[in-house]
């Protein structure tokens, strides 16, 4: 995960949220806490809190209502139904259940700072 974390840092410096999302999705078996925190930092610095909360819910197993317009329904395991019956779960769910990301104080602090920037 170290090269990916460095890539996420470069995406942060460039303000490249799309590149950070691509890097995060390429990690196998999935991101660790440090990589998730780096991704959340990219989103929060770019004021994309919706995406930050969505990805936090996906990888950390949290339950969020972060979808288009914030009107979705959260389901167990961090899957979000966007109101149109679309589930954001993907083929990596089994891997995440085996090796879930454990949020730490930095994870929550990053999200709180992101909320403060709204």
Protein backbone atom coordinates (compact mmCIF):
# COMPACT_ATOMS: atom_id res chain seq x y z
CA UNK A 1 0.00 0.00 0.00
CA UNK A 2 2.95 2.41 0.41
CA UNK A 3 3.24 3.28 -3.33
CA UNK A 4 -0.52 3.84 -3.45
CA UNK A 5 -0.37 6.08 -0.39
CA UNK A 6 2.37 8.12 -2.09
CA UNK A 7 0.22 8.30 -5.24
CA UNK A 8 -2.72 9.48 -3.11
CA UNK A 9 -0.45 12.19 -1.67
CA UNK A 10 0.40 13.34 -5.20
CA UNK A 11 -3.31 13.39 -6.06
CA UNK A 12 -3.92 15.49 -2.94
CA UNK A 13 -1.25 17.99 -3.98
CA UNK A 14 -2.74 18.19 -7.50
CA UNK A 15 -6.34 18.30 -6.29
CA UNK A 16 -7.07 15.21 -8.40
CA UNK A 17 -10.05 13.48 -6.76
CA UNK A 18 -10.71 11.25 -9.79
CA UNK A 19 -7.10 10.03 -9.81
CA UNK A 20 -7.25 9.35 -6.08
CA UNK A 21 -10.43 7.33 -6.51
CA UNK A 22 -8.79 5.30 -9.27
CA UNK A 23 -5.72 4.62 -7.11
CA UNK A 24 -7.87 3.62 -4.14
CA UNK A 25 -9.92 1.23 -6.27
CA UNK A 26 -6.77 -0.39 -7.70
CA UNK A 27 -5.50 -1.43 -4.27
CA UNK A 28 -5.70 -5.18 -3.66
CA UNK A 29 -7.09 -6.60 -1.50
CA UNK A 30 -8.20 -3.08 -0.63
CA UNK A 31 -6.92 0.02 1.14
CA UNK A 32 -5.55 0.07 4.64
CA UNK A 33 -6.37 2.77 7.18
CA UNK A 34 -3.50 5.02 6.06
CA UNK A 35 -4.59 4.87 2.41
CA UNK A 36 -8.24 5.51 3.31
CA UNK A 37 -7.20 8.51 5.41
CA UNK A 38 -5.11 9.86 2.52
CA UNK A 39 -8.07 9.49 0.15
CA UNK A 40 -10.44 11.19 2.59
CA UNK A 41 -7.94 14.05 2.85
CA UNK A 42 -7.97 14.46 -0.95
CA UNK A 43 -11.77 14.64 -0.94
CA UNK A 44 -12.02 17.01 2.01
CA UNK A 45 -9.40 19.40 0.63
CA UNK A 46 -11.38 19.44 -2.62
CA UNK A 47 -14.63 19.95 -0.69
CA UNK A 48 -16.11 16.70 -1.99
CA UNK A 49 -17.53 15.52 1.32
CA UNK A 50 -20.25 13.47 -0.40
CA UNK A 51 -17.64 11.23 -2.02
CA UNK A 52 -15.58 11.10 1.18
CA UNK A 53 -18.56 9.84 3.18
CA UNK A 54 -19.56 7.39 0.46
CA UNK A 55 -16.08 5.85 0.31
CA UNK A 56 -15.77 5.87 4.10
CA UNK A 57 -19.00 3.88 4.29
CA UNK A 58 -17.85 1.49 1.60
CA UNK A 59 -14.45 0.61 3.03
CA UNK A 60 -14.88 1.16 6.75
CA UNK A 61 -18.26 -0.55 6.89
CA UNK A 62 -19.88 2.55 8.33
CA UNK A 63 -23.44 3.43 7.55
CA UNK A 64 -23.95 6.70 5.70
CA UNK A 65 -26.74 8.26 3.71
CA UNK A 66 -24.29 9.92 1.36
CA UNK A 67 -25.63 9.56 -2.16
CA UNK A 68 -26.69 11.91 -4.92
CA UNK A 69 -28.59 14.58 -3.02
CA UNK A 70 -28.13 12.73 0.27
CA UNK A 71 -31.47 10.96 -0.05
CA UNK A 72 -30.32 7.36 -0.26
CA UNK A 73 -30.96 4.59 2.19
CA UNK A 74 -28.01 3.15 4.08
CA UNK A 75 -27.82 -0.61 4.37
CA UNK A 76 -25.71 -2.95 6.47
CA UNK A 77 -22.08 -3.16 5.41
CA UNK A 78 -21.98 0.37 4.05
CA UNK A 79 -23.92 -0.36 0.85
CA UNK A 80 -25.98 2.60 -0.24
CA UNK A 81 -29.16 2.35 -2.30
CA UNK A 82 -29.42 5.58 -4.28
CA UNK A 83 -33.21 5.48 -4.22
CA UNK A 84 -33.31 4.00 -7.70
CA UNK A 85 -32.50 0.49 -6.54
CA UNK A 86 -28.81 0.77 -7.40
CA UNK A 87 -26.55 -0.84 -4.81
CA UNK A 88 -22.97 0.49 -4.65
CA UNK A 89 -21.64 -2.92 -3.57
CA UNK A 90 -19.12 -4.54 -5.90
CA UNK A 91 -17.09 -7.69 -6.34
CA UNK A 92 -14.56 -6.68 -3.67
CA UNK A 93 -17.09 -6.96 -0.82
CA UNK A 94 -15.82 -10.41 0.21
CA UNK A 95 -12.27 -9.08 0.47
CA UNK A 96 -13.36 -6.10 2.57
CA UNK A 97 -15.31 -8.34 4.94
CA UNK A 98 -12.19 -10.41 5.48
CA UNK A 99 -9.88 -7.40 5.81
CA UNK A 100 -11.99 -4.34 6.73
CA UNK A 101 -10.44 -0.93 7.21
CA UNK A 102 -10.41 0.11 10.86
CA UNK A 103 -11.01 3.87 11.14
CA UNK A 104 -8.76 5.70 13.59
CA UNK A 105 -8.68 9.16 15.13
CA UNK A 106 -7.15 10.58 11.95
CA UNK A 107 -10.00 9.16 9.87
CA UNK A 108 -12.63 10.92 11.96
CA UNK A 109 -10.59 14.11 12.35
CA UNK A 110 -10.19 14.36 8.56
CA UNK A 111 -13.94 14.01 8.08
CA UNK A 112 -14.69 16.58 10.79
CA UNK A 113 -12.31 19.08 9.15
CA UNK A 114 -14.02 18.39 5.81
CA UNK A 115 -17.41 19.14 7.33
CA UNK A 116 -16.00 22.35 8.77
CA UNK A 117 -14.98 23.51 5.28
CA UNK A 118 -18.54 23.39 3.95
